[in-house]
Amino acid sequence: METLENIYVYMGKNISFVVALKILHTVSLLAQKENRAFDEVYAEFLESDTYRAIQETGSLMWYENAEFIVDEYYREKSHV
């Protein structure tokens, strides 16, 4: 993994746009499911291991669909 201040690279390709879209889609789904404001959910999501996994390009979490990531986030929250 190479990360340079908000630049995510996987196998030599810049995937920053993909990572940003995945986070946006995931948080949008969470906000919709919980009937809460996007900003509120986003602030909580930033503190999660799931969010950190998306940023860790080698984990390939960024490659999963947003519904899978939402499920992972809820599994994480259930173990706290």
N, C-alpha and C. Protein backbone atom coordinates (compact mmCIF):
# COMPACT_ATOMS: atom_id res chain seq x y z
N MET A 1 0.84 -1.19 0.00
CA MET A 1 0.00 0.00 0.00
C MET A 1 0.88 1.24 0.00
N GLU A 2 0.52 2.17 -0.83
CA GLU A 2 1.16 3.48 -0.83
C GLU A 2 0.06 4.49 -0.59
N THR A 3 0.20 5.28 0.43
CA THR A 3 -0.78 6.32 0.70
C THR A 3 -0.04 7.63 0.88
N LEU A 4 -0.37 8.60 0.06
CA LEU A 4 0.21 9.92 0.16
C LEU A 4 -0.92 10.91 0.35
N GLU A 5 -1.14 11.33 1.56
CA GLU A 5 -2.16 12.32 1.88
C GLU A 5 -3.38 12.25 0.95
N ASN A 6 -4.27 11.33 1.27
CA ASN A 6 -5.54 11.15 0.56
C ASN A 6 -5.39 10.61 -0.86
N ILE A 7 -4.27 10.01 -1.17
CA ILE A 7 -4.11 9.33 -2.45
C ILE A 7 -3.94 7.85 -2.14
N TYR A 8 -4.84 7.05 -2.69
CA TYR A 8 -4.81 5.61 -2.45
C TYR A 8 -4.39 4.91 -3.73
N VAL A 9 -3.38 4.05 -3.61
CA VAL A 9 -2.82 3.37 -4.76
C VAL A 9 -2.90 1.87 -4.52
N TYR A 10 -3.36 1.15 -5.55
CA TYR A 10 -3.39 -0.30 -5.48
C TYR A 10 -2.83 -0.84 -6.79
N MET A 11 -1.82 -1.68 -6.67
CA MET A 11 -1.14 -2.26 -7.84
C MET A 11 -0.75 -1.19 -8.86
N GLY A 12 -0.23 -0.08 -8.35
CA GLY A 12 0.27 0.99 -9.20
C GLY A 12 -0.79 1.91 -9.76
N LYS A 13 -2.04 1.69 -9.42
CA LYS A 13 -3.12 2.52 -9.95
C LYS A 13 -3.73 3.38 -8.84
N ASN A 14 -4.01 4.61 -9.18
CA ASN A 14 -4.64 5.52 -8.23
C ASN A 14 -6.12 5.14 -8.12
N ILE A 15 -6.54 4.71 -6.94
CA ILE A 15 -7.92 4.31 -6.71
C ILE A 15 -8.62 5.28 -5.77
N SER A 16 -8.09 6.47 -5.62
CA SER A 16 -8.64 7.45 -4.67
C SER A 16 -10.11 7.74 -4.94
N PHE A 17 -10.47 7.87 -6.19
CA PHE A 17 -11.86 8.17 -6.54
C PHE A 17 -12.77 7.02 -6.13
N VAL A 18 -12.32 5.80 -6.37
CA VAL A 18 -13.10 4.61 -5.99
C VAL A 18 -13.29 4.56 -4.48
N VAL A 19 -12.22 4.80 -3.73
CA VAL A 19 -12.29 4.78 -2.27
C VAL A 19 -13.26 5.85 -1.77
N ALA A 20 -13.15 7.04 -2.30
CA ALA A 20 -14.04 8.13 -1.87
C ALA A 20 -15.50 7.81 -2.19
N LEU A 21 -15.76 7.29 -3.38
CA LEU A 21 -17.14 6.91 -3.74
C LEU A 21 -17.67 5.80 -2.86
N LYS A 22 -16.82 4.84 -2.53
CA LYS A 22 -17.25 3.73 -1.68
C LYS A 22 -17.64 4.22 -0.29
N ILE A 23 -16.85 5.14 0.25
CA ILE A 23 -17.17 5.72 1.56
C ILE A 23 -18.48 6.51 1.47
N LEU A 24 -18.63 7.30 0.44
CA LEU A 24 -19.85 8.08 0.25
C LEU A 24 -21.08 7.18 0.16
N HIS A 25 -21.00 6.14 -0.66
CA HIS A 25 -22.12 5.23 -0.83
C HIS A 25 -22.43 4.50 0.46
N THR A 26 -21.41 4.04 1.16
CA THR A 26 -21.60 3.32 2.42
C THR A 26 -22.28 4.20 3.46
N VAL A 27 -21.80 5.40 3.63
CA VAL A 27 -22.38 6.31 4.63
C VAL A 27 -23.80 6.71 4.23
N SER A 28 -24.04 6.88 2.95
CA SER A 28 -25.40 7.19 2.48
C SER A 28 -26.36 6.06 2.83
N LEU A 29 -25.93 4.82 2.63
CA LEU A 29 -26.76 3.68 2.99
C LEU A 29 -27.02 3.62 4.49
N LEU A 30 -25.98 3.86 5.27
CA LEU A 30 -26.13 3.85 6.72
C LEU A 30 -27.12 4.93 7.17
N ALA A 31 -26.99 6.13 6.63
CA ALA A 31 -27.87 7.24 6.99
C ALA A 31 -29.31 6.91 6.62
N GLN A 32 -29.49 6.30 5.47
CA GLN A 32 -30.84 5.93 5.03
C GLN A 32 -31.42 4.84 5.93
N LYS A 33 -30.64 3.81 6.22
CA LYS A 33 -31.11 2.71 7.07
C LYS A 33 -31.47 3.18 8.47
N GLU A 34 -30.69 4.12 8.99
CA GLU A 34 -30.88 4.58 10.36
C GLU A 34 -31.75 5.83 10.44
N ASN A 35 -32.15 6.33 9.27
CA ASN A 35 -32.99 7.54 9.22
C ASN A 35 -32.35 8.68 10.03
N ARG A 36 -31.05 8.89 9.74
CA ARG A 36 -30.27 9.92 10.43
C ARG A 36 -29.59 10.79 9.39
N ALA A 37 -29.09 11.92 9.83
CA ALA A 37 -28.40 12.85 8.94
C ALA A 37 -27.06 12.25 8.49
N PHE A 38 -26.73 12.50 7.23
CA PHE A 38 -25.48 12.00 6.65
C PHE A 38 -24.29 12.43 7.50
N ASP A 39 -24.22 13.70 7.85
CA ASP A 39 -23.06 14.23 8.59
C ASP A 39 -22.88 13.53 9.93
N GLU A 40 -23.97 13.25 10.59
CA GLU A 40 -23.92 12.58 11.90
C GLU A 40 -23.38 11.16 11.74
N VAL A 41 -23.89 10.44 10.76
CA VAL A 41 -23.45 9.07 10.51
C VAL A 41 -22.00 9.06 10.05
N TYR A 42 -21.64 10.00 9.19
CA TYR A 42 -20.28 10.10 8.69
C TYR A 42 -19.28 10.28 9.83
N ALA A 43 -19.61 11.16 10.76
CA ALA A 43 -18.71 11.42 11.90
C ALA A 43 -18.48 10.13 12.70
N GLU A 44 -19.52 9.35 12.90
CA GLU A 44 -19.38 8.08 13.63
C GLU A 44 -18.59 7.06 12.80
N PHE A 45 -18.87 7.00 11.51
CA PHE A 45 -18.20 6.04 10.65
C PHE A 45 -16.69 6.29 10.61
N LEU A 46 -16.28 7.54 10.67
CA LEU A 46 -14.85 7.87 10.64
C LEU A 46 -14.07 7.26 11.80
N GLU A 47 -14.77 6.94 12.87
CA GLU A 47 -14.12 6.37 14.06
C GLU A 47 -14.05 4.84 14.02
N SER A 48 -14.56 4.23 12.97
CA SER A 48 -14.69 2.77 12.94
C SER A 48 -13.48 2.07 12.32
N ASP A 49 -13.32 0.81 12.71
CA ASP A 49 -12.30 -0.04 12.08
C ASP A 49 -12.68 -0.32 10.63
N THR A 50 -13.97 -0.35 10.35
CA THR A 50 -14.43 -0.59 8.99
C THR A 50 -13.94 0.53 8.07
N TYR A 51 -14.05 1.76 8.52
CA TYR A 51 -13.55 2.90 7.74
C TYR A 51 -12.05 2.77 7.50
N ARG A 52 -11.32 2.41 8.55
CA ARG A 52 -9.87 2.26 8.41
C ARG A 52 -9.53 1.13 7.43
N ALA A 53 -10.34 0.07 7.42
CA ALA A 53 -10.11 -1.05 6.50
C ALA A 53 -10.31 -0.61 5.05
N ILE A 54 -11.27 0.26 4.81
CA ILE A 54 -11.48 0.76 3.44
C ILE A 54 -10.24 1.53 2.98
N GLN A 55 -9.64 2.26 3.87
CA GLN A 55 -8.47 3.05 3.52
C GLN A 55 -7.21 2.20 3.36
N GLU A 56 -7.19 1.04 3.96
CA GLU A 56 -6.05 0.12 3.84
C GLU A 56 -6.24 -0.65 2.54
N THR A 57 -5.64 -0.16 1.47
CA THR A 57 -5.92 -0.70 0.14
C THR A 57 -5.64 -2.19 0.03
N GLY A 58 -4.68 -2.68 0.78
CA GLY A 58 -4.35 -4.10 0.73
C GLY A 58 -5.43 -4.99 1.31
N SER A 59 -6.33 -4.43 2.10
CA SER A 59 -7.41 -5.23 2.69
C SER A 59 -8.49 -5.56 1.65
N LEU A 60 -8.52 -4.82 0.58
CA LEU A 60 -9.51 -4.94 -0.50
C LEU A 60 -10.93 -4.64 -0.05
N MET A 61 -11.10 -4.06 1.13
CA MET A 61 -12.44 -3.68 1.57
C MET A 61 -13.04 -2.64 0.61
N TRP A 62 -12.21 -1.79 0.06
CA TRP A 62 -12.68 -0.78 -0.90
C TRP A 62 -13.29 -1.42 -2.14
N TYR A 63 -12.94 -2.68 -2.40
CA TYR A 63 -13.42 -3.39 -3.58
C TYR A 63 -14.80 -4.02 -3.37
N GLU A 64 -15.18 -4.21 -2.11
CA GLU A 64 -16.47 -4.81 -1.78
C GLU A 64 -17.60 -3.83 -2.07
N ASN A 65 -18.82 -4.37 -2.22
CA ASN A 65 -19.94 -3.47 -2.45
C ASN A 65 -20.33 -2.80 -1.12
N ALA A 66 -21.01 -1.67 -1.23
CA ALA A 66 -21.35 -0.87 -0.05
C ALA A 66 -22.24 -1.63 0.93
N GLU A 67 -23.12 -2.50 0.42
CA GLU A 67 -23.99 -3.28 1.29
C GLU A 67 -23.17 -4.22 2.18
N PHE A 68 -22.15 -4.82 1.61
CA PHE A 68 -21.25 -5.68 2.39
C PHE A 68 -20.55 -4.87 3.47
N ILE A 69 -20.08 -3.69 3.11
CA ILE A 69 -19.36 -2.84 4.07
C ILE A 69 -20.30 -2.40 5.19
N VAL A 70 -21.54 -2.09 4.86
CA VAL A 70 -22.54 -1.74 5.90
C VAL A 70 -22.69 -2.92 6.86
N ASP A 71 -22.81 -4.13 6.33
CA ASP A 71 -22.92 -5.31 7.20
C ASP A 71 -21.70 -5.46 8.10
N GLU A 72 -20.52 -5.24 7.54
CA GLU A 72 -19.29 -5.32 8.34
C GLU A 72 -19.30 -4.26 9.45
N TYR A 73 -19.75 -3.09 9.12
CA TYR A 73 -19.82 -2.00 10.11
C TYR A 73 -20.76 -2.39 11.25
N TYR A 74 -21.92 -2.93 10.92
CA TYR A 74 -22.86 -3.35 11.96
C TYR A 74 -22.31 -4.51 12.78
N ARG A 75 -21.56 -5.43 12.16
CA ARG A 75 -20.92 -6.51 12.92
C ARG A 75 -19.90 -5.91 13.90
N GLU A 76 -19.15 -4.95 13.41
CA GLU A 76 -18.16 -4.29 14.28
C GLU A 76 -18.85 -3.63 15.46
N LYS A 77 -19.91 -2.89 15.21
CA LYS A 77 -20.62 -2.20 16.28
C LYS A 77 -21.24 -3.17 17.28
N SER A 78 -21.63 -4.35 16.82
CA SER A 78 -22.26 -5.30 17.72
C SER A 78 -21.27 -5.94 18.69
N HIS A 79 -19.97 -5.82 18.38
CA HIS A 79 -18.94 -6.40 19.24
C HIS A 79 -18.32 -5.39 20.19
N VAL A 80 -18.83 -4.19 20.19
CA VAL A 80 -18.26 -3.14 21.06
C VAL A 80 -18.92 -3.18 22.41
